[in-house]
Each structure stands twice: as structure tokens, then as C-alpha cells.
PDB file of N, CA and C in Angstrom:
ATOM      1  N   MET A   1     -43.980 -62.854 -35.247  1.00  0.00           N
ATOM      2  CA  MET A   1     -42.661 -63.127 -34.691  1.00  0.00           C
ATOM      3  C   MET A   1     -42.335 -62.060 -33.650  1.00  0.00           C
ATOM      4  N   ASP A   2     -41.844 -62.512 -32.516  1.00  0.00           N
ATOM      5  CA  ASP A   2     -41.454 -61.583 -31.448  1.00  0.00           C
ATOM      6  C   ASP A   2     -39.952 -61.331 -31.475  1.00  0.00           C
ATOM      7  N   VAL A   3     -39.580 -60.133 -31.043  1.00  0.00           N
ATOM      8  CA  VAL A   3     -38.189 -59.810 -30.753  1.00  0.00           C
ATOM      9  C   VAL A   3     -38.144 -59.387 -29.292  1.00  0.00           C
ATOM     10  N   PHE A   4     -36.974 -59.506 -28.710  1.00  0.00           N
ATOM     11  CA  PHE A   4     -36.808 -59.217 -27.298  1.00  0.00           C
ATOM     12  C   PHE A   4     -35.800 -58.081 -27.145  1.00  0.00           C
ATOM     13  N   LEU A   5     -36.308 -56.915 -26.732  1.00  0.00           N
ATOM     14  CA  LEU A   5     -35.450 -55.753 -26.537  1.00  0.00           C
ATOM     15  C   LEU A   5     -34.914 -55.774 -25.114  1.00  0.00           C
ATOM     16  N   LEU A   6     -33.614 -55.541 -24.995  1.00  0.00           N
ATOM     17  CA  LEU A   6     -32.956 -55.529 -23.690  1.00  0.00           C
ATOM     18  C   LEU A   6     -32.566 -54.104 -23.350  1.00  0.00           C
ATOM     19  N   TRP A   7     -33.046 -53.644 -22.221  1.00  0.00           N
ATOM     20  CA  TRP A   7     -32.782 -52.297 -21.718  1.00  0.00           C
ATOM     21  C   TRP A   7     -32.030 -52.373 -20.392  1.00  0.00           C
ATOM     22  N   HIS A   8     -31.297 -51.303 -20.100  1.00  0.00           N
ATOM     23  CA  HIS A   8     -30.698 -51.134 -18.773  1.00  0.00           C
ATOM     24  C   HIS A   8     -31.060 -49.743 -18.275  1.00  0.00           C
ATOM     25  N   VAL A   9     -31.369 -49.649 -16.988  1.00  0.00           N
ATOM     26  CA  VAL A   9     -31.690 -48.371 -16.365  1.00  0.00           C
ATOM     27  C   VAL A   9     -30.559 -47.987 -15.421  1.00  0.00           C
ATOM     28  N   GLN A  10     -29.983 -46.821 -15.673  1.00  0.00           N
ATOM     29  CA  GLN A  10     -29.030 -46.231 -14.724  1.00  0.00           C
ATOM     30  C   GLN A  10     -29.821 -45.193 -13.946  1.00  0.00           C
ATOM     31  N   HIS A  11     -30.044 -45.471 -12.670  1.00  0.00           N
ATOM     32  CA  HIS A  11     -30.853 -44.588 -11.841  1.00  0.00           C
ATOM     33  C   HIS A  11     -30.041 -43.388 -11.360  1.00  0.00           C
ATOM     34  N   ALA A  12     -30.624 -42.215 -11.485  1.00  0.00           N
ATOM     35  CA  ALA A  12     -29.981 -40.996 -11.003  1.00  0.00           C
ATOM     36  C   ALA A  12     -30.126 -40.926  -9.486  1.00  0.00           C
ATOM     37  N   PRO A  13     -29.067 -40.559  -8.792  1.00  0.00           N
ATOM     38  CA  PRO A  13     -29.185 -40.437  -7.331  1.00  0.00           C
ATOM     39  C   PRO A  13     -30.001 -39.199  -6.959  1.00  0.00           C
ATOM     40  N   PHE A  14     -30.713 -39.269  -5.858  1.00  0.00           N
ATOM     41  CA  PHE A  14     -31.441 -38.117  -5.357  1.00  0.00           C
ATOM     42  C   PHE A  14     -30.446 -37.158  -4.705  1.00  0.00           C
ATOM     43  N   LEU A  15     -30.586 -35.882  -4.999  1.00  0.00           N
ATOM     44  CA  LEU A  15     -29.665 -34.874  -4.456  1.00  0.00           C
ATOM     45  C   LEU A  15     -29.791 -34.735  -2.951  1.00  0.00           C
ATOM     46  N   ASP A  16     -30.958 -35.056  -2.402  1.00  0.00           N
ATOM     47  CA  ASP A  16     -31.155 -34.922  -0.956  1.00  0.00           C
ATOM     48  C   ASP A  16     -30.702 -36.158  -0.184  1.00  0.00           C
ATOM     49  N   GLY A  17     -30.107 -37.129  -0.883  1.00  0.00           N
ATOM     50  CA  GLY A  17     -29.559 -38.298  -0.217  1.00  0.00           C
ATOM     51  C   GLY A  17     -30.517 -39.454  -0.013  1.00  0.00           C
ATOM     52  N   ARG A  18     -31.794 -39.292  -0.423  1.00  0.00           N
ATOM     53  CA  ARG A  18     -32.741 -40.406  -0.304  1.00  0.00           C
ATOM     54  C   ARG A  18     -32.221 -41.609  -1.073  1.00  0.00           C
ATOM     55  N   PRO A  19     -32.553 -42.803  -0.630  1.00  0.00           N
ATOM     56  CA  PRO A  19     -32.112 -43.992  -1.368  1.00  0.00           C
ATOM     57  C   PRO A  19     -32.788 -44.060  -2.739  1.00  0.00           C
ATOM     58  N   THR A  20     -32.059 -44.575  -3.686  1.00  0.00           N
ATOM     59  CA  THR A  20     -32.566 -44.726  -5.045  1.00  0.00           C
ATOM     60  C   THR A  20     -33.587 -45.848  -5.086  1.00  0.00           C
ATOM     61  N   GLU A  21     -34.703 -45.595  -5.760  1.00  0.00           N
ATOM     62  CA  GLU A  21     -35.742 -46.609  -5.927  1.00  0.00           C
ATOM     63  C   GLU A  21     -35.461 -47.361  -7.222  1.00  0.00           C
ATOM     64  N   HIS A  22     -35.125 -48.642  -7.100  1.00  0.00           N
ATOM     65  CA  HIS A  22     -34.853 -49.467  -8.266  1.00  0.00           C
ATOM     66  C   HIS A  22     -36.087 -50.265  -8.679  1.00  0.00           C
ATOM     67  N   CYS A  23     -36.841 -50.748  -7.704  1.00  0.00           N
ATOM     68  CA  CYS A  23     -38.018 -51.587  -7.970  1.00  0.00           C
ATOM     69  C   CYS A  23     -39.176 -51.122  -7.096  1.00  0.00           C
ATOM     70  N   ASP A  24     -40.395 -51.404  -7.546  1.00  0.00           N
ATOM     71  CA  ASP A  24     -41.564 -51.080  -6.737  1.00  0.00           C
ATOM     72  C   ASP A  24     -41.796 -52.170  -5.694  1.00  0.00           C
ATOM     73  N   GLU A  25     -42.905 -52.054  -4.962  1.00  0.00           N
ATOM     74  CA  GLU A  25     -43.179 -53.001  -3.877  1.00  0.00           C
ATOM     75  C   GLU A  25     -43.404 -54.428  -4.372  1.00  0.00           C
ATOM     76  N   ASN A  26     -43.647 -54.599  -5.681  1.00  0.00           N
ATOM     77  CA  ASN A  26     -43.833 -55.933  -6.259  1.00  0.00           C
ATOM     78  C   ASN A  26     -42.558 -56.474  -6.902  1.00  0.00           C
ATOM     79  N   GLY A  27     -41.460 -55.724  -6.762  1.00  0.00           N
ATOM     80  CA  GLY A  27     -40.198 -56.157  -7.337  1.00  0.00           C
ATOM     81  C   GLY A  27     -40.035 -55.836  -8.816  1.00  0.00           C
ATOM     82  N   VAL A  28     -40.925 -54.999  -9.353  1.00  0.00           N
ATOM     83  CA  VAL A  28     -40.870 -54.631 -10.766  1.00  0.00           C
ATOM     84  C   VAL A  28     -39.954 -53.413 -10.938  1.00  0.00           C
ATOM     85  N   LEU A  29     -39.041 -53.496 -11.888  1.00  0.00           N
ATOM     86  CA  LEU A  29     -38.111 -52.404 -12.167  1.00  0.00           C
ATOM     87  C   LEU A  29     -38.866 -51.123 -12.487  1.00  0.00           C
ATOM     88  N   VAL A  30     -38.436 -50.017 -11.900  1.00  0.00           N
ATOM     89  CA  VAL A  30     -39.047 -48.712 -12.164  1.00  0.00           C
ATOM     90  C   VAL A  30     -37.981 -47.749 -12.659  1.00  0.00           C
ATOM     91  N   TRP A  31     -38.430 -46.739 -13.387  1.00  0.00           N
ATOM     92  CA  TRP A  31     -37.531 -45.675 -13.828  1.00  0.00           C
ATOM     93  C   TRP A  31     -38.339 -44.416 -14.036  1.00  0.00           C
ATOM     94  N   HIS A  32     -37.653 -43.292 -13.883  1.00  0.00           N
ATOM     95  CA  HIS A  32     -38.284 -41.982 -14.010  1.00  0.00           C
ATOM     96  C   HIS A  32     -37.324 -41.094 -14.813  1.00  0.00           C
ATOM     97  N   GLU A  33     -37.539 -41.059 -16.106  1.00  0.00           N
ATOM     98  CA  GLU A  33     -36.650 -40.264 -16.959  1.00  0.00           C
ATOM     99  C   GLU A  33     -36.675 -38.792 -16.572  1.00  0.00           C
ATOM    100  N   GLU A  34     -37.837 -38.300 -16.111  1.00  0.00           N
ATOM    101  CA  GLU A  34     -37.935 -36.894 -15.724  1.00  0.00           C
ATOM    102  C   GLU A  34     -37.077 -36.580 -14.503  1.00  0.00           C
ATOM    103  N   ASP A  35     -36.692 -37.596 -13.740  1.00  0.00           N
ATOM    104  CA  ASP A  35     -35.819 -37.416 -12.577  1.00  0.00           C
ATOM    105  C   ASP A  35     -34.353 -37.685 -12.916  1.00  0.00           C
ATOM    106  N   GLY A  36     -34.070 -37.966 -14.187  1.00  0.00           N
ATOM    107  CA  GLY A  36     -32.692 -38.165 -14.606  1.00  0.00           C
ATOM    108  C   GLY A  36     -32.271 -39.602 -14.816  1.00  0.00           C
ATOM    109  N   ASP A  37     -33.186 -40.562 -14.635  1.00  0.00           N
ATOM    110  CA  ASP A  37     -32.830 -41.958 -14.912  1.00  0.00           C
ATOM    111  C   ASP A  37     -32.526 -42.108 -16.401  1.00  0.00           C
ATOM    112  N   ASP A  38     -31.498 -42.872 -16.715  1.00  0.00           N
ATOM    113  CA  ASP A  38     -31.013 -43.016 -18.092  1.00  0.00           C
ATOM    114  C   ASP A  38     -31.264 -44.437 -18.570  1.00  0.00           C
ATOM    115  N   LEU A  39     -32.045 -44.580 -19.644  1.00  0.00           N
ATOM    116  CA  LEU A  39     -32.329 -45.886 -20.231  1.00  0.00           C
ATOM    117  C   LEU A  39     -31.431 -46.105 -21.431  1.00  0.00           C
ATOM    118  N   LYS A  40     -30.857 -47.279 -21.497  1.00  0.00           N
ATOM    119  CA  LYS A  40     -30.003 -47.665 -22.622  1.00  0.00           C
ATOM    120  C   LYS A  40     -30.543 -48.955 -23.202  1.00  0.00           C
ATOM    121  N   ILE A  41     -30.598 -49.024 -24.521  1.00  0.00           N
ATOM    122  CA  ILE A  41     -30.982 -50.280 -25.152  1.00  0.00           C
ATOM    123  C   ILE A  41     -29.703 -51.011 -25.511  1.00  0.00           C
ATOM    124  N   LEU A  42     -29.605 -52.246 -25.039  1.00  0.00           N
ATOM    125  CA  LEU A  42     -28.402 -53.044 -25.287  1.00  0.00           C
ATOM    126  C   LEU A  42     -28.512 -53.889 -26.532  1.00  0.00           C
ATOM    127  N   GLY A  43     -29.730 -54.133 -26.994  1.00  0.00           N
ATOM    128  CA  GLY A  43     -29.871 -54.912 -28.203  1.00  0.00           C
ATOM    129  C   GLY A  43     -31.264 -55.467 -28.386  1.00  0.00           C
ATOM    130  N   ALA A  44     -31.484 -56.016 -29.580  1.00  0.00           N
ATOM    131  CA  ALA A  44     -32.723 -56.707 -29.930  1.00  0.00           C
ATOM    132  C   ALA A  44     -32.347 -58.143 -30.267  1.00  0.00           C
ATOM    133  N   TYR A  45     -33.025 -59.087 -29.624  1.00  0.00           N
ATOM    134  CA  TYR A  45     -32.653 -60.493 -29.730  1.00  0.00           C
ATOM    135  C   TYR A  45     -33.829 -61.325 -30.221  1.00  0.00           C
ATOM    136  N   SER A  46     -33.513 -62.419 -30.874  1.00  0.00           N
ATOM    137  CA  SER A  46     -34.554 -63.279 -31.427  1.00  0.00           C
ATOM    138  C   SER A  46     -35.204 -64.168 -30.372  1.00  0.00           C
ATOM    139  N   THR A  47     -34.566 -64.330 -29.220  1.00  0.00           N
ATOM    140  CA  THR A  47     -35.153 -65.134 -28.143  1.00  0.00           C
ATOM    141  C   THR A  47     -34.912 -64.449 -26.803  1.00  0.00           C
ATOM    142  N   ASP A  48     -35.791 -64.751 -25.866  1.00  0.00           N
ATOM    143  CA  ASP A  48     -35.623 -64.254 -24.498  1.00  0.00           C
ATOM    144  C   ASP A  48     -34.320 -64.791 -23.909  1.00  0.00           C
ATOM    145  N   GLN A  49     -34.002 -66.037 -24.202  1.00  0.00           N
ATOM    146  CA  GLN A  49     -32.773 -66.677 -23.710  1.00  0.00           C
ATOM    147  C   GLN A  49     -31.535 -65.890 -24.137  1.00  0.00           C
ATOM    148  N   MET A  50     -31.484 -65.454 -25.392  1.00  0.00           N
ATOM    149  CA  MET A  50     -30.321 -64.702 -25.876  1.00  0.00           C
ATOM    150  C   MET A  50     -30.217 -63.355 -25.160  1.00  0.00           C
ATOM    151  N   ALA A  51     -31.344 -62.716 -24.904  1.00  0.00           N
ATOM    152  CA  ALA A  51     -31.330 -61.452 -24.164  1.00  0.00           C
ATOM    153  C   ALA A  51     -30.808 -61.680 -22.748  1.00  0.00           C
ATOM    154  N   ARG A  52     -31.230 -62.749 -22.112  1.00  0.00           N
ATOM    155  CA  ARG A  52     -30.787 -63.055 -20.741  1.00  0.00           C
ATOM    156  C   ARG A  52     -29.299 -63.401 -20.700  1.00  0.00           C
ATOM    157  N   GLU A  53     -28.798 -64.050 -21.739  1.00  0.00           N
ATOM    158  CA  GLU A  53     -27.357 -64.330 -21.824  1.00  0.00           C
ATOM    159  C   GLU A  53     -26.568 -63.038 -21.952  1.00  0.00           C
ATOM    160  N   ARG A  54     -27.129 -62.058 -22.662  1.00  0.00           N
ATOM    161  CA  ARG A  54     -26.465 -60.756 -22.787  1.00  0.00           C
ATOM    162  C   ARG A  54     -26.410 -60.047 -21.439  1.00  0.00           C
ATOM    163  N   ILE A  55     -27.434 -60.209 -20.620  1.00  0.00           N
ATOM    164  CA  ILE A  55     -27.421 -59.610 -19.283  1.00  0.00           C
ATOM    165  C   ILE A  55     -26.229 -60.140 -18.490  1.00  0.00           C
ATOM    166  N   VAL A  56     -25.998 -61.424 -18.553  1.00  0.00           N
ATOM    167  CA  VAL A  56     -24.877 -62.041 -17.828  1.00  0.00           C
ATOM    168  C   VAL A  56     -23.562 -61.386 -18.265  1.00  0.00           C
ATOM    169  N   ARG A  57     -23.381 -61.200 -19.563  1.00  0.00           N
ATOM    170  CA  ARG A  57     -22.147 -60.580 -20.065  1.00  0.00           C
ATOM    171  C   ARG A  57     -22.062 -59.111 -19.668  1.00  0.00           C
ATOM    172  N   ALA A  58     -23.186 -58.397 -19.747  1.00  0.00           N
ATOM    173  CA  ALA A  58     -23.188 -56.963 -19.447  1.00  0.00           C
ATOM    174  C   ALA A  58     -22.887 -56.686 -17.982  1.00  0.00           C
ATOM    175  N   ARG A  59     -23.293 -57.573 -17.098  1.00  0.00           N
ATOM    176  CA  ARG A  59     -23.074 -57.360 -15.660  1.00  0.00           C
ATOM    177  C   ARG A  59     -21.592 -57.299 -15.289  1.00  0.00           C
ATOM    178  N   THR A  60     -20.701 -57.683 -16.190  1.00  0.00           N
ATOM    179  CA  THR A  60     -19.266 -57.611 -15.916  1.00  0.00           C
ATOM    180  C   THR A  60     -18.664 -56.289 -16.367  1.00  0.00           C
ATOM    181  N   LEU A  61     -19.436 -55.450 -17.042  1.00  0.00           N
ATOM    182  CA  LEU A  61     -18.920 -54.220 -17.644  1.00  0.00           C
ATOM    183  C   LEU A  61     -19.113 -53.012 -16.735  1.00  0.00           C
ATOM    184  N   PRO A  62     -18.201 -52.021 -16.849  1.00  0.00           N
ATOM    185  CA  PRO A  62     -18.350 -50.801 -16.049  1.00  0.00           C
ATOM    186  C   PRO A  62     -19.724 -50.174 -16.259  1.00  0.00           C
ATOM    187  N   GLY A  63     -20.264 -49.623 -15.194  1.00  0.00           N
ATOM    188  CA  GLY A  63     -21.580 -49.004 -15.247  1.00  0.00           C
ATOM    189  C   GLY A  63     -22.681 -50.013 -15.050  1.00  0.00           C
ATOM    190  N   PHE A  64     -22.756 -51.007 -15.917  1.00  0.00           N
ATOM    191  CA  PHE A  64     -23.784 -52.031 -15.798  1.00  0.00           C
ATOM    192  C   PHE A  64     -23.614 -52.840 -14.519  1.00  0.00           C
ATOM    193  N   ARG A  65     -22.370 -53.107 -14.136  1.00  0.00           N
ATOM    194  CA  ARG A  65     -22.154 -53.898 -12.923  1.00  0.00           C
ATOM    195  C   ARG A  65     -22.520 -53.124 -11.660  1.00  0.00           C
ATOM    196  N   ASP A  66     -22.612 -51.779 -11.775  1.00  0.00           N
ATOM    197  CA  ASP A  66     -23.012 -50.972 -10.619  1.00  0.00           C
ATOM    198  C   ASP A  66     -24.501 -51.108 -10.306  1.00  0.00           C
ATOM    199  N   GLU A  67     -25.294 -51.483 -11.308  1.00  0.00           N
ATOM    200  CA  GLU A  67     -26.723 -51.698 -11.116  1.00  0.00           C
ATOM    201  C   GLU A  67     -27.093 -53.014 -11.815  1.00  0.00           C
ATOM    202  N   PRO A  68     -26.623 -54.131 -11.254  1.00  0.00           N
ATOM    203  CA  PRO A  68     -26.759 -55.419 -11.936  1.00  0.00           C
ATOM    204  C   PRO A  68     -28.185 -55.955 -12.031  1.00  0.00           C
ATOM    205  N   ASP A  69     -29.102 -55.393 -11.264  1.00  0.00           N
ATOM    206  CA  ASP A  69     -30.480 -55.876 -11.298  1.00  0.00           C
ATOM    207  C   ASP A  69     -31.418 -54.930 -12.038  1.00  0.00           C
ATOM    208  N   CYS A  70     -30.850 -53.997 -12.781  1.00  0.00           N
ATOM    209  CA  CYS A  70     -31.657 -52.974 -13.446  1.00  0.00           C
ATOM    210  C   CYS A  70     -31.745 -53.193 -14.951  1.00  0.00           C
ATOM    211  N   PHE A  71     -31.921 -54.448 -15.338  1.00  0.00           N
ATOM    212  CA  PHE A  71     -32.121 -54.815 -16.738  1.00  0.00           C
ATOM    213  C   PHE A  71     -33.590 -55.136 -16.952  1.00  0.00           C
ATOM    214  N   TYR A  72     -34.071 -54.860 -18.157  1.00  0.00           N
ATOM    215  CA  TYR A  72     -35.456 -55.129 -18.502  1.00  0.00           C
ATOM    216  C   TYR A  72     -35.510 -55.731 -19.900  1.00  0.00           C
ATOM    217  N   VAL A  73     -36.178 -56.858 -20.034  1.00  0.00           N
ATOM    218  CA  VAL A  73     -36.390 -57.495 -21.337  1.00  0.00           C
ATOM    219  C   VAL A  73     -37.862 -57.352 -21.684  1.00  0.00           C
ATOM    220  N   GLY A  74     -38.135 -56.740 -22.828  1.00  0.00           N
ATOM    221  CA  GLY A  74     -39.510 -56.578 -23.290  1.00  0.00           C
ATOM    222  C   GLY A  74     -39.711 -57.277 -24.623  1.00  0.00           C
ATOM    223  N   ALA A  75     -40.777 -58.058 -24.727  1.00  0.00           N
ATOM    224  CA  ALA A  75     -41.093 -58.753 -25.974  1.00  0.00           C
ATOM    225  C   ALA A  75     -41.981 -57.857 -26.838  1.00  0.00           C
ATOM    226  N   TYR A  76     -41.639 -57.755 -28.100  1.00  0.00           N
ATOM    227  CA  TYR A  76     -42.413 -56.965 -29.048  1.00  0.00           C
ATOM    228  C   TYR A  76     -42.661 -57.796 -30.295  1.00  0.00           C
ATOM    229  N   THR A  77     -43.869 -57.703 -30.807  1.00  0.00           N
ATOM    230  CA  THR A  77     -44.217 -58.406 -32.037  1.00  0.00           C
ATOM    231  C   THR A  77     -43.842 -57.535 -33.223  1.00  0.00           C
ATOM    232  N   LEU A  78     -43.104 -58.114 -34.165  1.00  0.00           N
ATOM    233  CA  LEU A  78     -42.720 -57.369 -35.360  1.00  0.00           C
ATOM    234  C   LEU A  78     -43.950 -56.965 -36.161  1.00  0.00           C
ATOM    235  N   ASP A  79     -43.848 -55.820 -36.796  1.00  0.00           N
ATOM    236  CA  ASP A  79     -44.898 -55.294 -37.675  1.00  0.00           C
ATOM    237  C   ASP A  79     -46.207 -55.017 -36.947  1.00  0.00           C
ATOM    238  N   GLU A  80     -46.124 -54.791 -35.648  1.00  0.00           N
ATOM    239  CA  GLU A  80     -47.305 -54.441 -34.858  1.00  0.00           C
ATOM    240  C   GLU A  80     -47.143 -53.016 -34.351  1.00  0.00           C
ATOM    241  N   ASP A  81     -48.160 -52.185 -34.570  1.00  0.00           N
ATOM    242  CA  ASP A  81     -48.094 -50.785 -34.160  1.00  0.00           C
ATOM    243  C   ASP A  81     -48.020 -50.661 -32.646  1.00  0.00           C
ATOM    244  N   GLN A  82     -47.245 -49.687 -32.183  1.00  0.00           N
ATOM    245  CA  GLN A  82     -47.168 -49.308 -30.774  1.00  0.00           C
ATOM    246  C   GLN A  82     -47.642 -47.855 -30.687  1.00  0.00           C
ATOM    247  N   TRP A  83     -47.937 -47.368 -29.506  1.00  0.00           N
ATOM    248  CA  TRP A  83     -48.397 -46.000 -29.288  1.00  0.00           C
ATOM    249  C   TRP A  83     -49.567 -45.667 -30.216  1.00  0.00           C
ATOM    250  N   THR A  84     -50.573 -46.517 -30.229  1.00  0.00           N
ATOM    251  CA  THR A  84     -51.685 -46.347 -31.152  1.00  0.00           C
ATOM    252  C   THR A  84     -52.657 -45.245 -30.743  1.00  0.00           C
ATOM    253  N   ASP A  85     -52.572 -44.762 -29.509  1.00  0.00           N
ATOM    254  CA  ASP A  85     -53.468 -43.693 -29.056  1.00  0.00           C
ATOM    255  C   ASP A  85     -52.796 -42.331 -29.038  1.00  0.00           C
ATOM    256  N   GLY A  86     -51.571 -42.221 -29.545  1.00  0.00           N
ATOM    257  CA  GLY A  86     -50.862 -40.945 -29.528  1.00  0.00           C
ATOM    258  C   GLY A  86     -50.346 -40.623 -28.137  1.00  0.00           C
ATOM    259  N   PHE A  87     -50.046 -39.349 -27.908  1.00  0.00           N
ATOM    260  CA  PHE A  87     -49.540 -38.922 -26.606  1.00  0.00           C
ATOM    261  C   PHE A  87     -49.833 -37.441 -26.417  1.00  0.00           C
ATOM    262  N   VAL A  88     -49.692 -36.971 -25.203  1.00  0.00           N
ATOM    263  CA  VAL A  88     -49.809 -35.546 -24.897  1.00  0.00           C
ATOM    264  C   VAL A  88     -48.508 -35.103 -24.259  1.00  0.00           C
ATOM    265  N   ARG A  89     -48.189 -33.867 -24.459  1.00  0.00           N
ATOM    266  CA  ARG A  89     -46.984 -33.291 -23.885  1.00  0.00           C
ATOM    267  C   ARG A  89     -47.362 -32.475 -22.668  1.00  0.00           C
ATOM    268  N   ALA A  90     -46.731 -32.773 -21.545  1.00  0.00           N
ATOM    269  CA  ALA A  90     -46.960 -32.014 -20.319  1.00  0.00           C
ATOM    270  C   ALA A  90     -45.928 -30.894 -20.246  1.00  0.00           C
ATOM    271  N   PRO A  91     -46.374 -29.678 -19.966  1.00  0.00           N
ATOM    272  CA  PRO A  91     -45.400 -28.574 -19.880  1.00  0.00           C
ATOM    273  C   PRO A  91     -44.480 -28.748 -18.683  1.00  0.00           C
ATOM    274  N   ARG A  92     -43.251 -28.297 -18.844  1.00  0.00           N
ATOM    275  CA  ARG A  92     -42.278 -28.342 -17.744  1.00  0.00           C
ATOM    276  C   ARG A  92     -42.528 -27.205 -16.768  1.00  0.00           C
ATOM    277  N   ASP A  93     -42.217 -27.490 -15.517  1.00  0.00           N
ATOM    278  CA  ASP A  93     -42.212 -26.404 -14.525  1.00  0.00           C
ATOM    279  C   ASP A  93     -40.958 -25.592 -14.740  1.00  0.00           C
ATOM    280  N   ALA A  94     -41.088 -24.288 -14.621  1.00  0.00           N
ATOM    281  CA  ALA A  94     -39.913 -23.413 -14.829  1.00  0.00           C
ATOM    282  C   ALA A  94     -39.032 -23.383 -13.625  1.00  0.00           C
TER     283      ALA A  94
END
């Protein structure tokens, strides 16, 4: 059984005034948490349709309406492991 997680990305503005990158050259939503982009999960839904209906409602709300095309729906299978290869931590620059 799949569930559909709905995320929203609030992109941090660049301090040097460069335009914010919302999507890559293929139109796919991008985010960079290390640059200050903020991801919010709006909910987990039993169907893709229900997640998309939530996007319509969220686009009327403060904050979300400022970046109306920055929603992401991801399908996940219940009881299936994620991050099966672990991860490494990269040190921060001082």
C-alpha cells in the first residue's frame, strides 16, 4: 500500500540578490536545505488525488500562496525500508 506525502518548499532568498531557483531545467522542483530552504510536510494521504486537493487548499494560505508551485508529492510504500545504505556526514565550513 502506498501513501502520498505532501511537502512544500519555502526557498530562501539569495543575499546577493540572485533570483531564487525553484525548478531545474527540466521543471523539477529543487531545494537546498544547506542554503536555508525550508521543507514542510503538509500531510500523508491515501491517494495522490487527495494530496493534490490539499495543494489547492494550501495555495490560499499565507506563505504557501507566495510559492504556489513549490509543492511536492512523493509516493512511499508502507513497511518498506528507506535509506538502506546509510549516510555520511559532511563537515561544515567554519
